[in-house]
Amino acid sequence: MTNFWDRHIMPRLIGCACASKPIMKQREKVVPKAAGKVLELGIGGGLNLRYYDPARVESVSGVDPSDELRERALAAPRPDDLKVEIRKGIAEDLPFESGSFDCVVCTFTLCSVQSPQKALAEARRVLKPGGRFLYAEHGLAPDAGVAAWQRRIEPAWKAIAGGCHLTRPITDAIAAAGFGIDRSDRMYLPGTPRILGWSEWGEARAA
């Protein structure tokens, strides 16, 4: 039953949740800023592909551990002249040489990786010196009452949502990984329960 859930039900649930209007709006804020050779961590169902600008982007390489989600990404809408490669992999152990990319895009991925610290370290490794890290994530809310409820429901939430965590810090974790934060914005997503809707997005550079 668990295998059936993981292979057939959970990818559909994640796909629906990650394609909600508020989350797609967050994607649209950061993805068009990508340029050069781009790596996307946790490309999932390819929901970001429509937002890349082929005039700015040389190529997009995406990694994701899920066979089902990678299949969706292969069929996802994108500009006709966007060069895309999708590979099996995890953010904590990227199958690329150091200094391979001008830009790393990370949207709604750090919540579900096994180790955000390792994923961010790998992102730094594969970026060229001064390379850009673009992110839009959800995580630990700043309000004590909301955060308390996040901690209460997180164990059950992880079980049904593919290991998604609600209480991980976002921008602070990126800065702690050695990135210089160029810009950071944050808010509760409209039309979303606060325990699920705290979002931070911005731009950072590999130090």
C-alpha atoms as a PDB file:
ATOM      1  CA  MET A   1       0.000   0.000   0.000  1.00  0.00           C
ATOM      2  CA  THR A   2       2.834   2.375   0.875  1.00  0.00           C
ATOM      3  CA  ASN A   3       4.534   1.731  -2.461  1.00  0.00           C
ATOM      4  CA  PHE A   4       1.270   2.324  -4.343  1.00  0.00           C
ATOM      5  CA  TRP A   5       0.773   5.603  -2.443  1.00  0.00           C
ATOM      6  CA  ASP A   6       4.345   6.744  -3.110  1.00  0.00           C
ATOM      7  CA  ARG A   7       4.284   5.840  -6.797  1.00  0.00           C
ATOM      8  CA  HIS A   8       0.769   6.764  -7.893  1.00  0.00           C
ATOM      9  CA  ILE A   9      -1.097   8.909  -5.360  1.00  0.00           C
ATOM     10  CA  MET A  10       1.564  11.132  -3.814  1.00  0.00           C
ATOM     11  CA  PRO A  11       3.002  12.459  -7.123  1.00  0.00           C
ATOM     12  CA  ARG A  12      -0.496  13.561  -8.143  1.00  0.00           C
ATOM     13  CA  LEU A  13      -1.131  15.238  -4.793  1.00  0.00           C
ATOM     14  CA  ILE A  14       2.215  17.001  -4.877  1.00  0.00           C
ATOM     15  CA  GLY A  15       1.613  18.040  -8.465  1.00  0.00           C
ATOM     16  CA  CYS A  16      -1.730  19.613  -7.604  1.00  0.00           C
ATOM     17  CA  ALA A  17      -0.442  21.358  -4.481  1.00  0.00           C
ATOM     18  CA  CYS A  18       2.691  22.697  -6.191  1.00  0.00           C
ATOM     19  CA  ALA A  19       0.623  24.024  -9.093  1.00  0.00           C
ATOM     20  CA  SER A  20      -1.730  26.084  -6.941  1.00  0.00           C
ATOM     21  CA  LYS A  21      -2.156  29.701  -7.999  1.00  0.00           C
ATOM     22  CA  PRO A  22      -0.249  31.251  -5.037  1.00  0.00           C
ATOM     23  CA  ILE A  23       2.723  28.902  -5.494  1.00  0.00           C
ATOM     24  CA  MET A  24       2.841  29.409  -9.257  1.00  0.00           C
ATOM     25  CA  LYS A  25       2.911  33.146  -8.594  1.00  0.00           C
ATOM     26  CA  GLN A  26       6.002  32.639  -6.421  1.00  0.00           C
ATOM     27  CA  ARG A  27       7.675  30.629  -9.160  1.00  0.00           C
ATOM     28  CA  GLU A  28       6.963  33.401 -11.633  1.00  0.00           C
ATOM     29  CA  LYS A  29       8.762  35.900  -9.383  1.00  0.00           C
ATOM     30  CA  VAL A  30      12.123  34.136  -9.468  1.00  0.00           C
ATOM     31  CA  VAL A  31      12.488  31.727 -12.401  1.00  0.00           C
ATOM     32  CA  PRO A  32      12.537  34.370 -15.209  1.00  0.00           C
ATOM     33  CA  LYS A  33      15.644  35.858 -13.551  1.00  0.00           C
ATOM     34  CA  ALA A  34      17.693  32.743 -14.346  1.00  0.00           C
ATOM     35  CA  ALA A  35      20.433  33.110 -16.945  1.00  0.00           C
ATOM     36  CA  GLY A  36      23.274  31.133 -18.502  1.00  0.00           C
ATOM     37  CA  LYS A  37      23.671  27.458 -17.714  1.00  0.00           C
ATOM     38  CA  VAL A  38      20.970  26.700 -15.141  1.00  0.00           C
ATOM     39  CA  LEU A  39      20.523  23.814 -12.717  1.00  0.00           C
ATOM     40  CA  GLU A  40      17.114  23.252 -11.159  1.00  0.00           C
ATOM     41  CA  LEU A  41      17.050  21.284  -7.904  1.00  0.00           C
ATOM     42  CA  GLY A  42      14.022  19.013  -7.534  1.00  0.00           C
ATOM     43  CA  ILE A  43      12.566  19.793 -10.936  1.00  0.00           C
ATOM     44  CA  GLY A  44       9.521  17.678  -9.995  1.00  0.00           C
ATOM     45  CA  GLY A  45       6.795  17.890 -12.607  1.00  0.00           C
ATOM     46  CA  GLY A  46       8.529  20.660 -14.554  1.00  0.00           C
ATOM     47  CA  LEU A  47       6.229  23.437 -13.365  1.00  0.00           C
ATOM     48  CA  ASN A  48       9.008  26.037 -13.671  1.00  0.00           C
ATOM     49  CA  LEU A  49       9.896  25.275 -17.276  1.00  0.00           C
ATOM     50  CA  ARG A  50       7.278  27.642 -18.709  1.00  0.00           C
ATOM     51  CA  TYR A  51       8.915  30.593 -16.916  1.00  0.00           C
ATOM     52  CA  TYR A  52      12.481  30.297 -18.261  1.00  0.00           C
ATOM     53  CA  ASP A  53      13.476  32.872 -20.849  1.00  0.00           C
ATOM     54  CA  PRO A  54      15.354  31.188 -23.746  1.00  0.00           C
ATOM     55  CA  ALA A  55      16.882  34.546 -24.655  1.00  0.00           C
ATOM     56  CA  ARG A  56      18.681  34.530 -21.287  1.00  0.00           C
ATOM     57  CA  VAL A  57      19.089  30.818 -20.574  1.00  0.00           C
ATOM     58  CA  GLU A  58      21.651  28.685 -22.397  1.00  0.00           C
ATOM     59  CA  SER A  59      20.279  25.405 -20.992  1.00  0.00           C
ATOM     60  CA  VAL A  60      18.351  23.974 -18.041  1.00  0.00           C
ATOM     61  CA  SER A  61      19.476  20.799 -16.289  1.00  0.00           C
ATOM     62  CA  GLY A  62      16.987  19.405 -13.802  1.00  0.00           C
ATOM     63  CA  VAL A  63      17.374  16.656 -11.211  1.00  0.00           C
ATOM     64  CA  ASP A  64      14.706  14.761  -9.296  1.00  0.00           C
ATOM     65  CA  PRO A  65      14.634  11.334  -7.594  1.00  0.00           C
ATOM     66  CA  SER A  66      11.048  10.514  -8.608  1.00  0.00           C
ATOM     67  CA  ASP A  67      10.569   8.560 -11.835  1.00  0.00           C
ATOM     68  CA  GLU A  68       6.920   9.609 -11.996  1.00  0.00           C
ATOM     69  CA  LEU A  69       7.647  13.311 -11.541  1.00  0.00           C
ATOM     70  CA  ARG A  70      10.487  13.270 -14.070  1.00  0.00           C
ATOM     71  CA  GLU A  71       8.094  11.777 -16.622  1.00  0.00           C
ATOM     72  CA  ARG A  72       5.738  14.669 -15.976  1.00  0.00           C
ATOM     73  CA  ALA A  73       8.589  17.137 -16.360  1.00  0.00           C
ATOM     74  CA  LEU A  74       9.461  15.716 -19.768  1.00  0.00           C
ATOM     75  CA  ALA A  75       5.927  16.512 -20.954  1.00  0.00           C
ATOM     76  CA  ALA A  76       5.582  19.867 -19.145  1.00  0.00           C
ATOM     77  CA  PRO A  77       4.914  23.059 -21.155  1.00  0.00           C
ATOM     78  CA  ARG A  78       8.018  25.104 -22.034  1.00  0.00           C
ATOM     79  CA  PRO A  79       9.227  27.516 -24.729  1.00  0.00           C
ATOM     80  CA  ASP A  80       9.953  25.645 -27.953  1.00  0.00           C
ATOM     81  CA  ASP A  81      13.609  26.734 -28.074  1.00  0.00           C
ATOM     82  CA  LEU A  82      14.448  26.022 -24.422  1.00  0.00           C
ATOM     83  CA  LYS A  83      17.163  23.375 -24.115  1.00  0.00           C
ATOM     84  CA  VAL A  84      16.279  21.027 -21.233  1.00  0.00           C
ATOM     85  CA  GLU A  85      17.975  17.961 -19.753  1.00  0.00           C
ATOM     86  CA  ILE A  86      16.294  16.018 -16.927  1.00  0.00           C
ATOM     87  CA  ARG A  87      18.292  13.525 -14.899  1.00  0.00           C
ATOM     88  CA  LYS A  88      17.675  11.221 -11.969  1.00  0.00           C
ATOM     89  CA  GLY A  89      19.414  12.502  -8.867  1.00  0.00           C
ATOM     90  CA  ILE A  90      19.125  14.047  -5.438  1.00  0.00           C
ATOM     91  CA  ALA A  91      20.065  17.556  -4.371  1.00  0.00           C
ATOM     92  CA  GLU A  92      22.442  16.244  -1.706  1.00  0.00           C
ATOM     93  CA  ASP A  93      24.632  14.401  -4.253  1.00  0.00           C
ATOM     94  CA  LEU A  94      24.483  16.158  -7.602  1.00  0.00           C
ATOM     95  CA  PRO A  95      25.829  14.326 -10.675  1.00  0.00           C
ATOM     96  CA  PHE A  96      27.733  17.360 -11.978  1.00  0.00           C
ATOM     97  CA  GLU A  97      31.276  18.669 -11.774  1.00  0.00           C
ATOM     98  CA  SER A  98      32.142  21.629  -9.564  1.00  0.00           C
ATOM     99  CA  GLY A  99      31.688  25.048 -11.124  1.00  0.00           C
ATOM    100  CA  SER A 100      29.385  23.789 -13.876  1.00  0.00           C
ATOM    101  CA  PHE A 101      26.530  26.309 -13.641  1.00  0.00           C
ATOM    102  CA  ASP A 102      25.899  30.030 -13.731  1.00  0.00           C
ATOM    103  CA  CYS A 103      22.653  29.750 -11.789  1.00  0.00           C
ATOM    104  CA  VAL A 104      20.858  27.302  -9.492  1.00  0.00           C
ATOM    105  CA  VAL A 105      17.076  27.495  -9.136  1.00  0.00           C
ATOM    106  CA  CYS A 106      15.455  25.991  -6.034  1.00  0.00           C
ATOM    107  CA  THR A 107      11.680  26.278  -5.633  1.00  0.00           C
ATOM    108  CA  PHE A 108       9.664  24.402  -3.002  1.00  0.00           C
ATOM    109  CA  THR A 109      12.379  21.769  -2.729  1.00  0.00           C
ATOM    110  CA  LEU A 110      14.300  22.391   0.520  1.00  0.00           C
ATOM    111  CA  CYS A 111      11.221  21.361   2.499  1.00  0.00           C
ATOM    112  CA  SER A 112      11.480  17.764   1.314  1.00  0.00           C
ATOM    113  CA  VAL A 113      15.178  16.972   0.824  1.00  0.00           C
ATOM    114  CA  GLN A 114      16.756  14.755   3.470  1.00  0.00           C
ATOM    115  CA  SER A 115      19.426  17.333   4.343  1.00  0.00           C
ATOM    116  CA  PRO A 116      18.980  21.004   3.391  1.00  0.00           C
ATOM    117  CA  GLN A 117      22.544  21.680   4.544  1.00  0.00           C
ATOM    118  CA  LYS A 118      23.990  19.093   2.142  1.00  0.00           C
ATOM    119  CA  ALA A 119      21.729  20.246  -0.686  1.00  0.00           C
ATOM    120  CA  LEU A 120      22.847  23.852  -0.256  1.00  0.00           C
ATOM    121  CA  ALA A 121      26.494  22.804  -0.019  1.00  0.00           C
ATOM    122  CA  GLU A 122      26.105  20.918  -3.297  1.00  0.00           C
ATOM    123  CA  ALA A 123      24.447  23.950  -4.887  1.00  0.00           C
ATOM    124  CA  ARG A 124      27.464  26.048  -3.915  1.00  0.00           C
ATOM    125  CA  ARG A 125      29.838  23.406  -5.247  1.00  0.00           C
ATOM    126  CA  VAL A 126      28.332  23.241  -8.727  1.00  0.00           C
ATOM    127  CA  LEU A 127      28.000  27.012  -9.078  1.00  0.00           C
ATOM    128  CA  LYS A 128      30.714  29.032 -10.738  1.00  0.00           C
ATOM    129  CA  PRO A 129      32.367  31.679  -8.504  1.00  0.00           C
ATOM    130  CA  GLY A 130      29.804  34.413  -8.005  1.00  0.00           C
ATOM    131  CA  GLY A 131      27.050  32.208  -9.439  1.00  0.00           C
ATOM    132  CA  ARG A 132      23.458  33.028  -8.506  1.00  0.00           C
ATOM    133  CA  PHE A 133      21.104  30.998  -6.341  1.00  0.00           C
ATOM    134  CA  LEU A 134      17.421  31.809  -6.933  1.00  0.00           C
ATOM    135  CA  TYR A 135      14.930  30.453  -4.437  1.00  0.00           C
ATOM    136  CA  ALA A 136      11.265  30.412  -3.457  1.00  0.00           C
ATOM    137  CA  GLU A 137      10.396  28.117  -0.563  1.00  0.00           C
ATOM    138  CA  HIS A 138       7.923  27.579   2.257  1.00  0.00           C
ATOM    139  CA  GLY A 139       8.896  26.878   5.822  1.00  0.00           C
ATOM    140  CA  LEU A 140       8.997  27.953   9.457  1.00  0.00           C
ATOM    141  CA  ALA A 141       6.676  30.865  10.182  1.00  0.00           C
ATOM    142  CA  PRO A 142       7.920  33.803  12.292  1.00  0.00           C
ATOM    143  CA  ASP A 143       4.797  33.894  14.470  1.00  0.00           C
ATOM    144  CA  ALA A 144       5.081  31.736  17.584  1.00  0.00           C
ATOM    145  CA  GLY A 145       1.482  30.521  17.477  1.00  0.00           C
ATOM    146  CA  VAL A 146       1.689  29.480  13.840  1.00  0.00           C
ATOM    147  CA  ALA A 147       5.064  27.815  14.371  1.00  0.00           C
ATOM    148  CA  ALA A 148       3.680  25.830  17.308  1.00  0.00           C
ATOM    149  CA  TRP A 149       0.925  24.408  15.119  1.00  0.00           C
ATOM    150  CA  GLN A 150       3.438  23.668  12.377  1.00  0.00           C
ATOM    151  CA  ARG A 151       5.422  21.552  14.841  1.00  0.00           C
ATOM    152  CA  ARG A 152       2.277  19.743  16.001  1.00  0.00           C
ATOM    153  CA  ILE A 153       1.123  18.640  12.574  1.00  0.00           C
ATOM    154  CA  GLU A 154       4.488  18.171  10.876  1.00  0.00           C
ATOM    155  CA  PRO A 155       4.857  14.421  11.637  1.00  0.00           C
ATOM    156  CA  ALA A 156       1.503  13.592  10.020  1.00  0.00           C
ATOM    157  CA  TRP A 157       2.076  16.072   7.214  1.00  0.00           C
ATOM    158  CA  LYS A 158       5.427  14.499   6.286  1.00  0.00           C
ATOM    159  CA  ALA A 159       3.795  11.086   6.042  1.00  0.00           C
ATOM    160  CA  ILE A 160       1.195  12.180   3.496  1.00  0.00           C
ATOM    161  CA  ALA A 161       3.166  14.860   1.632  1.00  0.00           C
ATOM    162  CA  GLY A 162       6.316  13.112   0.485  1.00  0.00           C
ATOM    163  CA  GLY A 163       8.482  14.058   3.450  1.00  0.00           C
ATOM    164  CA  CYS A 164       7.601  17.764   3.256  1.00  0.00           C
ATOM    165  CA  HIS A 165       8.689  19.634   6.404  1.00  0.00           C
ATOM    166  CA  LEU A 166       6.850  22.688   7.703  1.00  0.00           C
ATOM    167  CA  THR A 167       9.418  23.945  10.222  1.00  0.00           C
ATOM    168  CA  ARG A 168      12.611  24.395   8.243  1.00  0.00           C
ATOM    169  CA  PRO A 169      14.135  27.889   8.113  1.00  0.00           C
ATOM    170  CA  ILE A 170      14.691  29.260   4.635  1.00  0.00           C
ATOM    171  CA  THR A 171      16.768  32.419   4.063  1.00  0.00           C
ATOM    172  CA  ASP A 172      18.697  31.952   7.318  1.00  0.00           C
ATOM    173  CA  ALA A 173      19.664  28.434   6.221  1.00  0.00           C
ATOM    174  CA  ILE A 174      20.833  29.708   2.821  1.00  0.00           C
ATOM    175  CA  ALA A 175      22.982  32.364   4.471  1.00  0.00           C
ATOM    176  CA  ALA A 176      24.372  29.808   6.941  1.00  0.00           C
ATOM    177  CA  ALA A 177      25.432  27.651   3.971  1.00  0.00           C
ATOM    178  CA  GLY A 178      27.826  30.386   2.836  1.00  0.00           C
ATOM    179  CA  PHE A 179      25.699  32.306   0.349  1.00  0.00           C
ATOM    180  CA  GLY A 180      25.565  36.068   0.333  1.00  0.00           C
ATOM    181  CA  ILE A 181      21.935  37.202   0.291  1.00  0.00           C
ATOM    182  CA  ASP A 182      21.375  39.891  -2.349  1.00  0.00           C
ATOM    183  CA  ARG A 183      17.616  40.119  -1.877  1.00  0.00           C
ATOM    184  CA  SER A 184      15.036  38.444   0.328  1.00  0.00           C
ATOM    185  CA  ASP A 185      11.271  38.869   0.522  1.00  0.00           C
ATOM    186  CA  ARG A 186       8.737  37.034   2.653  1.00  0.00           C
ATOM    187  CA  MET A 187       5.015  36.769   3.329  1.00  0.00           C
ATOM    188  CA  TYR A 188       2.126  34.440   4.036  1.00  0.00           C
ATOM    189  CA  LEU A 189       0.754  33.193   0.731  1.00  0.00           C
ATOM    190  CA  PRO A 190      -2.784  34.471   0.082  1.00  0.00           C
ATOM    191  CA  GLY A 191      -5.582  31.916   0.179  1.00  0.00           C
ATOM    192  CA  THR A 192      -3.365  29.419   2.005  1.00  0.00           C
ATOM    193  CA  PRO A 193      -3.566  28.215   5.630  1.00  0.00           C
ATOM    194  CA  ARG A 194      -0.833  29.983   7.592  1.00  0.00           C
ATOM    195  CA  ILE A 195       0.689  26.728   8.810  1.00  0.00           C
ATOM    196  CA  LEU A 196       1.364  25.848   5.156  1.00  0.00           C
ATOM    197  CA  GLY A 197       1.765  29.296   3.654  1.00  0.00           C
ATOM    198  CA  TRP A 198       4.849  31.066   5.028  1.00  0.00           C
ATOM    199  CA  SER A 199       7.036  31.762   1.986  1.00  0.00           C
ATOM    200  CA  GLU A 200      10.436  33.359   1.482  1.00  0.00           C
ATOM    201  CA  TRP A 201      12.025  34.076  -1.877  1.00  0.00           C
ATOM    202  CA  GLY A 202      15.048  35.891  -3.178  1.00  0.00           C
ATOM    203  CA  GLU A 203      18.477  35.885  -4.738  1.00  0.00           C
ATOM    204  CA  ALA A 204      21.837  34.868  -3.304  1.00  0.00           C
ATOM    205  CA  ARG A 205      25.383  34.459  -4.569  1.00  0.00           C
ATOM    206  CA  ALA A 206      28.020  31.850  -3.958  1.00  0.00           C
ATOM    207  CA  ALA A 207      30.601  33.524  -1.738  1.00  0.00           C
END
